[in-house]
Amino acid sequence: DIIPQPLLDQYLSMTDPARAQTVDTEIAKHCAYSLPGVALTLGRQNWHCLKDTYETLASDVQWKVRRTLAFSIHELAVILGDQLTAADLVPIFNGFLKDLDEVRIGVLKHLYDFLKLLHVDKRREYLYQLQEFVVTDNSRNWRFRYELAEQLILILELYNPNDVYDYLKHIALTLCSDKVSEVRWISFKLVVAILQKFYANNANALGLNFINELVVRFRHCSKWVGRQAFAFICQ
């Protein structure tokens, strides 16, 4: 009743490999790009019409197709709601986390937007996986680590102080020692945001422990870059 059935059938047939060979090699990418709009038009009650097509696209051999979906998965999560997201999108999201950097960056750029839509228990499962973002296929891909630091500043609000201390603090300290200065600058802001998180939640003991760690690691560092980092954090 929403859109003519032949039109929907035509859209769903875009994932047929034969179409890519005879019509357009980019057809699957166009299909992936339009999918959130089609899902919004059909509504979450008709998601079953698109589910198989989405899964087919998510496992497409072309990384450009998977990348397109990775960049829009947070939008689709808003359209589908928490239950369908947990059931159908989380497994695909997990697959993207282990994909090529070109695909992972799509997930990373909207990591906060996606995680905030999940239930608290589901969200906690990702604490272990966030540190995997520090490792990239190409170490020269510094913008990836920069994006991670930016996202973590937002993500702090989703976790309690103990989780931040146990998991996110270590990532922040690693990024503060990055070889690229741009990554270090944004990471100093992340460190300060973590300290603000502790003191805003009356986790003073955690805050003091973290400050002591910063003093040992940076204030007393044998390299001037470390001592400079301490000065910037204090500033």
C-alpha atoms as a PDB file:
ATOM      1  CA  ASP A   1       0.000   0.000   0.000  1.00  0.00           C
ATOM      2  CA  ILE A   2       2.968   2.332   0.506  1.00  0.00           C
ATOM      3  CA  ILE A   3       4.822   1.910  -2.777  1.00  0.00           C
ATOM      4  CA  PRO A   4       3.891  -0.203  -5.846  1.00  0.00           C
ATOM      5  CA  GLN A   5       5.062  -3.796  -5.452  1.00  0.00           C
ATOM      6  CA  PRO A   6       6.790  -3.879  -8.905  1.00  0.00           C
ATOM      7  CA  LEU A   7       8.881  -0.875  -7.858  1.00  0.00           C
ATOM      8  CA  LEU A   8       9.972  -2.585  -4.638  1.00  0.00           C
ATOM      9  CA  ASP A   9      10.738  -5.801  -6.540  1.00  0.00           C
ATOM     10  CA  GLN A  10      12.830  -3.814  -8.999  1.00  0.00           C
ATOM     11  CA  TYR A  11      14.783  -2.242  -6.131  1.00  0.00           C
ATOM     12  CA  LEU A  12      15.365  -5.581  -4.369  1.00  0.00           C
ATOM     13  CA  SER A  13      16.638  -7.137  -7.613  1.00  0.00           C
ATOM     14  CA  MET A  14      19.587  -4.694  -7.618  1.00  0.00           C
ATOM     15  CA  THR A  15      21.586  -7.111  -5.465  1.00  0.00           C
ATOM     16  CA  ASP A  16      21.415  -9.822  -8.119  1.00  0.00           C
ATOM     17  CA  PRO A  17      25.031 -10.393  -9.322  1.00  0.00           C
ATOM     18  CA  ALA A  18      23.778 -10.798 -12.894  1.00  0.00           C
ATOM     19  CA  ARG A  19      22.483  -7.221 -12.811  1.00  0.00           C
ATOM     20  CA  ALA A  20      25.908  -5.934 -11.827  1.00  0.00           C
ATOM     21  CA  GLN A  21      27.462  -7.673 -14.825  1.00  0.00           C
ATOM     22  CA  THR A  22      24.884  -6.666 -17.414  1.00  0.00           C
ATOM     23  CA  VAL A  23      23.502  -3.333 -16.172  1.00  0.00           C
ATOM     24  CA  ASP A  24      26.023  -1.465 -14.017  1.00  0.00           C
ATOM     25  CA  THR A  25      28.928  -2.598 -11.826  1.00  0.00           C
ATOM     26  CA  GLU A  26      28.039   0.155  -9.329  1.00  0.00           C
ATOM     27  CA  ILE A  27      24.397  -0.899  -8.990  1.00  0.00           C
ATOM     28  CA  ALA A  28      24.859  -2.601  -5.591  1.00  0.00           C
ATOM     29  CA  LYS A  29      26.487   0.561  -4.232  1.00  0.00           C
ATOM     30  CA  HIS A  30      23.530   2.671  -5.414  1.00  0.00           C
ATOM     31  CA  CYS A  31      21.208   0.154  -3.779  1.00  0.00           C
ATOM     32  CA  ALA A  32      23.140   0.405  -0.480  1.00  0.00           C
ATOM     33  CA  TYR A  33      23.148   4.207  -0.624  1.00  0.00           C
ATOM     34  CA  SER A  34      19.358   4.373  -0.990  1.00  0.00           C
ATOM     35  CA  LEU A  35      18.501   1.696   1.563  1.00  0.00           C
ATOM     36  CA  PRO A  36      17.896   3.925   4.627  1.00  0.00           C
ATOM     37  CA  GLY A  37      15.497   6.042   2.542  1.00  0.00           C
ATOM     38  CA  VAL A  38      13.614   2.965   1.366  1.00  0.00           C
ATOM     39  CA  ALA A  39      13.488   1.657   4.965  1.00  0.00           C
ATOM     40  CA  LEU A  40      12.128   5.004   6.184  1.00  0.00           C
ATOM     41  CA  THR A  41       9.455   5.004   3.466  1.00  0.00           C
ATOM     42  CA  LEU A  42       8.347   1.438   4.200  1.00  0.00           C
ATOM     43  CA  GLY A  43       8.461   1.896   7.996  1.00  0.00           C
ATOM     44  CA  ARG A  44       9.836  -0.488  10.583  1.00  0.00           C
ATOM     45  CA  GLN A  45       6.770  -2.744  10.343  1.00  0.00           C
ATOM     46  CA  ASN A  46       7.869  -3.654   6.796  1.00  0.00           C
ATOM     47  CA  TRP A  47      11.557  -4.158   7.584  1.00  0.00           C
ATOM     48  CA  HIS A  48      11.150  -7.871   6.790  1.00  0.00           C
ATOM     49  CA  CYS A  49      10.880  -6.880   3.103  1.00  0.00           C
ATOM     50  CA  LEU A  50      14.379  -5.398   3.172  1.00  0.00           C
ATOM     51  CA  LYS A  51      16.177  -7.557   5.732  1.00  0.00           C
ATOM     52  CA  ASP A  52      17.558 -10.157   3.309  1.00  0.00           C
ATOM     53  CA  THR A  53      18.651  -7.496   0.839  1.00  0.00           C
ATOM     54  CA  TYR A  54      20.465  -5.608   3.603  1.00  0.00           C
ATOM     55  CA  GLU A  55      22.305  -8.745   4.724  1.00  0.00           C
ATOM     56  CA  THR A  56      23.277  -9.508   1.117  1.00  0.00           C
ATOM     57  CA  LEU A  57      24.690  -6.006   0.677  1.00  0.00           C
ATOM     58  CA  ALA A  58      26.510  -6.192   4.027  1.00  0.00           C
ATOM     59  CA  SER A  59      28.446  -9.224   2.791  1.00  0.00           C
ATOM     60  CA  ASP A  60      29.075  -7.864  -0.723  1.00  0.00           C
ATOM     61  CA  VAL A  61      32.576  -8.554  -2.064  1.00  0.00           C
ATOM     62  CA  GLN A  62      33.037  -4.875  -2.984  1.00  0.00           C
ATOM     63  CA  TRP A  63      34.273  -2.926   0.049  1.00  0.00           C
ATOM     64  CA  LYS A  64      32.649   0.258  -1.341  1.00  0.00           C
ATOM     65  CA  VAL A  65      29.224  -1.334  -0.873  1.00  0.00           C
ATOM     66  CA  ARG A  66      29.996  -2.356   2.712  1.00  0.00           C
ATOM     67  CA  ARG A  67      31.511   1.070   3.391  1.00  0.00           C
ATOM     68  CA  THR A  68      28.311   2.788   2.205  1.00  0.00           C
ATOM     69  CA  LEU A  69      26.252   0.709   4.660  1.00  0.00           C
ATOM     70  CA  ALA A  70      28.756   1.295   7.481  1.00  0.00           C
ATOM     71  CA  PHE A  71      28.331   5.063   7.101  1.00  0.00           C
ATOM     72  CA  SER A  72      24.522   4.829   7.373  1.00  0.00           C
ATOM     73  CA  ILE A  73      23.964   2.028   9.908  1.00  0.00           C
ATOM     74  CA  HIS A  74      23.331   4.544  12.717  1.00  0.00           C
ATOM     75  CA  GLU A  75      20.578   6.189  10.627  1.00  0.00           C
ATOM     76  CA  LEU A  76      18.979   2.821   9.983  1.00  0.00           C
ATOM     77  CA  ALA A  77      19.099   2.045  13.716  1.00  0.00           C
ATOM     78  CA  VAL A  78      17.012   5.176  14.420  1.00  0.00           C
ATOM     79  CA  ILE A  79      14.460   4.095  11.803  1.00  0.00           C
ATOM     80  CA  LEU A  80      14.183   0.509  13.084  1.00  0.00           C
ATOM     81  CA  GLY A  81      14.179   1.117  16.848  1.00  0.00           C
ATOM     82  CA  ASP A  82      16.071  -0.713  19.595  1.00  0.00           C
ATOM     83  CA  GLN A  83      14.561  -4.208  19.265  1.00  0.00           C
ATOM     84  CA  LEU A  84      15.146  -4.638  15.525  1.00  0.00           C
ATOM     85  CA  THR A  85      18.545  -2.958  15.853  1.00  0.00           C
ATOM     86  CA  ALA A  86      19.641  -5.452  18.514  1.00  0.00           C
ATOM     87  CA  ALA A  87      18.348  -8.411  16.511  1.00  0.00           C
ATOM     88  CA  ASP A  88      19.290  -7.510  12.932  1.00  0.00           C
ATOM     89  CA  LEU A  89      21.807  -4.645  12.892  1.00  0.00           C
ATOM     90  CA  VAL A  90      24.156  -5.472  15.784  1.00  0.00           C
ATOM     91  CA  PRO A  91      25.530  -8.653  14.092  1.00  0.00           C
ATOM     92  CA  ILE A  92      26.246  -6.658  10.918  1.00  0.00           C
ATOM     93  CA  PHE A  93      27.740  -3.802  12.963  1.00  0.00           C
ATOM     94  CA  ASN A  94      30.054  -6.336  14.639  1.00  0.00           C
ATOM     95  CA  GLY A  95      31.124  -7.587  11.210  1.00  0.00           C
ATOM     96  CA  PHE A  96      31.965  -4.046  10.085  1.00  0.00           C
ATOM     97  CA  LEU A  97      34.131  -3.580  13.189  1.00  0.00           C
ATOM     98  CA  LYS A  98      36.438  -6.332  11.909  1.00  0.00           C
ATOM     99  CA  ASP A  99      36.395  -5.187   8.268  1.00  0.00           C
ATOM    100  CA  LEU A 100      38.928  -3.149   6.267  1.00  0.00           C
ATOM    101  CA  ASP A 101      39.831   0.315   7.577  1.00  0.00           C
ATOM    102  CA  GLU A 102      37.846   1.853   4.694  1.00  0.00           C
ATOM    103  CA  VAL A 103      34.724   0.169   6.100  1.00  0.00           C
ATOM    104  CA  ARG A 104      35.558   0.552   9.801  1.00  0.00           C
ATOM    105  CA  ILE A 105      35.889   4.328   9.459  1.00  0.00           C
ATOM    106  CA  GLY A 106      32.192   4.494   8.532  1.00  0.00           C
ATOM    107  CA  VAL A 107      31.269   2.771  11.788  1.00  0.00           C
ATOM    108  CA  LEU A 108      33.795   4.813  13.769  1.00  0.00           C
ATOM    109  CA  LYS A 109      32.568   8.212  12.541  1.00  0.00           C
ATOM    110  CA  HIS A 110      29.128   7.548  14.036  1.00  0.00           C
ATOM    111  CA  LEU A 111      30.100   5.207  16.874  1.00  0.00           C
ATOM    112  CA  TYR A 112      28.500   7.375  19.558  1.00  0.00           C
ATOM    113  CA  ASP A 113      25.276   7.733  17.542  1.00  0.00           C
ATOM    114  CA  PHE A 114      24.967   3.947  17.254  1.00  0.00           C
ATOM    115  CA  LEU A 115      25.993   2.995  20.804  1.00  0.00           C
ATOM    116  CA  LYS A 116      23.580   5.437  22.442  1.00  0.00           C
ATOM    117  CA  LEU A 117      20.672   3.609  20.754  1.00  0.00           C
ATOM    118  CA  LEU A 118      21.575   0.282  22.383  1.00  0.00           C
ATOM    119  CA  HIS A 119      20.456  -1.005  25.780  1.00  0.00           C
ATOM    120  CA  VAL A 120      22.952  -0.517  28.595  1.00  0.00           C
ATOM    121  CA  ASP A 121      23.849  -4.230  28.781  1.00  0.00           C
ATOM    122  CA  LYS A 122      24.445  -4.480  25.034  1.00  0.00           C
ATOM    123  CA  ARG A 123      26.455  -1.266  25.097  1.00  0.00           C
ATOM    124  CA  ARG A 124      28.800  -2.576  27.784  1.00  0.00           C
ATOM    125  CA  GLU A 125      29.844  -5.421  25.480  1.00  0.00           C
ATOM    126  CA  TYR A 126      31.600  -2.889  23.245  1.00  0.00           C
ATOM    127  CA  LEU A 127      33.919  -1.661  25.996  1.00  0.00           C
ATOM    128  CA  TYR A 128      36.276  -4.533  25.181  1.00  0.00           C
ATOM    129  CA  GLN A 129      36.186  -3.821  21.452  1.00  0.00           C
ATOM    130  CA  LEU A 130      36.836  -0.083  21.507  1.00  0.00           C
ATOM    131  CA  GLN A 131      40.578  -0.599  22.013  1.00  0.00           C
ATOM    132  CA  GLU A 132      40.703  -2.570  18.752  1.00  0.00           C
ATOM    133  CA  PHE A 133      40.202   0.745  16.928  1.00  0.00           C
ATOM    134  CA  VAL A 134      43.678   1.851  18.019  1.00  0.00           C
ATOM    135  CA  VAL A 135      45.128  -0.787  15.675  1.00  0.00           C
ATOM    136  CA  THR A 136      44.742  -0.019  11.951  1.00  0.00           C
ATOM    137  CA  ASP A 137      45.708  -1.825   8.747  1.00  0.00           C
ATOM    138  CA  ASN A 138      48.033   1.070   7.952  1.00  0.00           C
ATOM    139  CA  SER A 139      49.794   2.824  10.842  1.00  0.00           C
ATOM    140  CA  ARG A 140      50.058   5.988   8.703  1.00  0.00           C
ATOM    141  CA  ASN A 141      46.270   6.256   8.824  1.00  0.00           C
ATOM    142  CA  TRP A 142      46.411   8.781  11.684  1.00  0.00           C
ATOM    143  CA  ARG A 143      42.971  10.303  10.905  1.00  0.00           C
ATOM    144  CA  PHE A 144      41.465   7.024  12.058  1.00  0.00           C
ATOM    145  CA  ARG A 145      42.990   7.448  15.535  1.00  0.00           C
ATOM    146  CA  TYR A 146      42.022  11.134  15.556  1.00  0.00           C
ATOM    147  CA  GLU A 147      38.410  10.169  14.849  1.00  0.00           C
ATOM    148  CA  LEU A 148      38.558   7.598  17.662  1.00  0.00           C
ATOM    149  CA  ALA A 149      39.638  10.253  20.185  1.00  0.00           C
ATOM    150  CA  GLU A 150      36.841  12.585  19.024  1.00  0.00           C
ATOM    151  CA  GLN A 151      34.234   9.844  19.361  1.00  0.00           C
ATOM    152  CA  LEU A 152      35.490   8.783  22.798  1.00  0.00           C
ATOM    153  CA  ILE A 153      34.943  12.325  24.112  1.00  0.00           C
ATOM    154  CA  LEU A 154      31.245  11.877  23.232  1.00  0.00           C
ATOM    155  CA  ILE A 155      31.070   8.223  24.311  1.00  0.00           C
ATOM    156  CA  LEU A 156      32.195   9.022  27.889  1.00  0.00           C
ATOM    157  CA  GLU A 157      28.633   9.989  28.788  1.00  0.00           C
ATOM    158  CA  LEU A 158      27.370   6.486  27.950  1.00  0.00           C
ATOM    159  CA  TYR A 159      29.472   4.675  30.576  1.00  0.00           C
ATOM    160  CA  ASN A 160      29.901   4.918  34.339  1.00  0.00           C
ATOM    161  CA  PRO A 161      33.171   6.223  35.892  1.00  0.00           C
ATOM    162  CA  ASN A 162      34.430   2.722  36.767  1.00  0.00           C
ATOM    163  CA  ASP A 163      34.037   1.523  33.182  1.00  0.00           C
ATOM    164  CA  VAL A 164      35.768   4.663  31.918  1.00  0.00           C
ATOM    165  CA  TYR A 165      38.658   4.042  34.326  1.00  0.00           C
ATOM    166  CA  ASP A 166      38.982   0.341  33.521  1.00  0.00           C
ATOM    167  CA  TYR A 167      38.682   0.536  29.722  1.00  0.00           C
ATOM    168  CA  LEU A 168      38.670   3.970  28.128  1.00  0.00           C
ATOM    169  CA  LYS A 169      41.464   5.517  30.199  1.00  0.00           C
ATOM    170  CA  HIS A 170      44.034   3.122  28.707  1.00  0.00           C
ATOM    171  CA  ILE A 171      42.997   4.017  25.158  1.00  0.00           C
ATOM    172  CA  ALA A 172      43.306   7.729  25.982  1.00  0.00           C
ATOM    173  CA  LEU A 173      46.832   7.294  27.377  1.00  0.00           C
ATOM    174  CA  THR A 174      47.893   5.305  24.311  1.00  0.00           C
ATOM    175  CA  LEU A 175      46.575   8.033  21.996  1.00  0.00           C
ATOM    176  CA  CYS A 176      48.361  10.727  24.044  1.00  0.00           C
ATOM    177  CA  SER A 177      51.666   9.123  23.053  1.00  0.00           C
ATOM    178  CA  ASP A 178      50.809   8.878  19.358  1.00  0.00           C
ATOM    179  CA  LYS A 179      53.519   9.692  16.804  1.00  0.00           C
ATOM    180  CA  VAL A 180      51.276  12.266  15.091  1.00  0.00           C
ATOM    181  CA  SER A 181      50.844  15.595  16.886  1.00  0.00           C
ATOM    182  CA  GLU A 182      47.243  16.126  15.669  1.00  0.00           C
ATOM    183  CA  VAL A 183      46.231  12.886  17.396  1.00  0.00           C
ATOM    184  CA  ARG A 184      48.040  13.897  20.584  1.00  0.00           C
ATOM    185  CA  TRP A 185      46.305  17.325  20.743  1.00  0.00           C
ATOM    186  CA  ILE A 186      42.801  15.861  20.518  1.00  0.00           C
ATOM    187  CA  SER A 187      43.800  13.149  23.011  1.00  0.00           C
ATOM    188  CA  PHE A 188      44.759  15.770  25.620  1.00  0.00           C
ATOM    189  CA  LYS A 189      41.163  17.027  25.361  1.00  0.00           C
ATOM    190  CA  LEU A 190      39.984  13.442  25.848  1.00  0.00           C
ATOM    191  CA  VAL A 191      42.103  13.086  29.018  1.00  0.00           C
ATOM    192  CA  VAL A 192      40.607  16.297  30.436  1.00  0.00           C
ATOM    193  CA  ALA A 193      37.083  15.094  29.541  1.00  0.00           C
ATOM    194  CA  ILE A 194      37.782  11.861  31.464  1.00  0.00           C
ATOM    195  CA  LEU A 195      38.921  13.846  34.521  1.00  0.00           C
ATOM    196  CA  GLN A 196      35.766  15.994  34.291  1.00  0.00           C
ATOM    197  CA  LYS A 197      33.699  12.794  34.124  1.00  0.00           C
ATOM    198  CA  PHE A 198      35.261  11.465  37.340  1.00  0.00           C
ATOM    199  CA  TYR A 199      34.842  14.659  39.355  1.00  0.00           C
ATOM    200  CA  ALA A 200      31.342  15.409  38.008  1.00  0.00           C
ATOM    201  CA  ASN A 201      30.267  11.965  39.284  1.00  0.00           C
ATOM    202  CA  ASN A 202      32.035  12.320  42.667  1.00  0.00           C
ATOM    203  CA  ALA A 203      34.509   9.580  41.713  1.00  0.00           C
ATOM    204  CA  ASN A 204      37.301  11.609  43.328  1.00  0.00           C
ATOM    205  CA  ALA A 205      39.459   8.576  44.113  1.00  0.00           C
ATOM    206  CA  LEU A 206      39.473   7.551  40.451  1.00  0.00           C
ATOM    207  CA  GLY A 207      40.285  11.132  39.458  1.00  0.00           C
ATOM    208  CA  LEU A 208      43.231  11.293  41.855  1.00  0.00           C
ATOM    209  CA  ASN A 209      44.569   7.937  40.668  1.00  0.00           C
ATOM    210  CA  PHE A 210      44.375   9.129  37.082  1.00  0.00           C
ATOM    211  CA  ILE A 211      46.155  12.405  37.902  1.00  0.00           C
ATOM    212  CA  ASN A 212      48.950  10.450  39.623  1.00  0.00           C
ATOM    213  CA  GLU A 213      49.257   8.273  36.526  1.00  0.00           C
ATOM    214  CA  LEU A 214      49.515  11.369  34.307  1.00  0.00           C
ATOM    215  CA  VAL A 215      52.234  12.802  36.584  1.00  0.00           C
ATOM    216  CA  VAL A 216      54.289   9.612  36.444  1.00  0.00           C
ATOM    217  CA  ARG A 217      53.830   9.059  32.711  1.00  0.00           C
ATOM    218  CA  PHE A 218      54.196  12.637  31.412  1.00  0.00           C
ATOM    219  CA  ARG A 219      55.500  15.031  34.079  1.00  0.00           C
ATOM    220  CA  HIS A 220      58.488  12.786  34.828  1.00  0.00           C
ATOM    221  CA  CYS A 221      58.938  11.621  31.236  1.00  0.00           C
ATOM    222  CA  SER A 222      62.554  11.538  30.027  1.00  0.00           C
ATOM    223  CA  LYS A 223      61.463  12.957  26.647  1.00  0.00           C
ATOM    224  CA  TRP A 224      60.480  16.600  26.270  1.00  0.00           C
ATOM    225  CA  VAL A 225      57.403  15.623  24.225  1.00  0.00           C
ATOM    226  CA  GLY A 226      55.984  13.858  27.297  1.00  0.00           C
ATOM    227  CA  ARG A 227      56.621  16.855  29.556  1.00  0.00           C
ATOM    228  CA  GLN A 228      55.083  19.129  26.923  1.00  0.00           C
ATOM    229  CA  ALA A 229      52.006  16.863  26.909  1.00  0.00           C
ATOM    230  CA  PHE A 230      51.681  17.336  30.668  1.00  0.00           C
ATOM    231  CA  ALA A 231      51.809  21.125  30.249  1.00  0.00           C
ATOM    232  CA  PHE A 232      49.054  21.044  27.631  1.00  0.00           C
ATOM    233  CA  ILE A 233      46.846  18.786  29.782  1.00  0.00           C
ATOM    234  CA  CYS A 234      47.292  21.178  32.733  1.00  0.00           C
ATOM    235  CA  GLN A 235      46.439  24.121  30.504  1.00  0.00           C
END
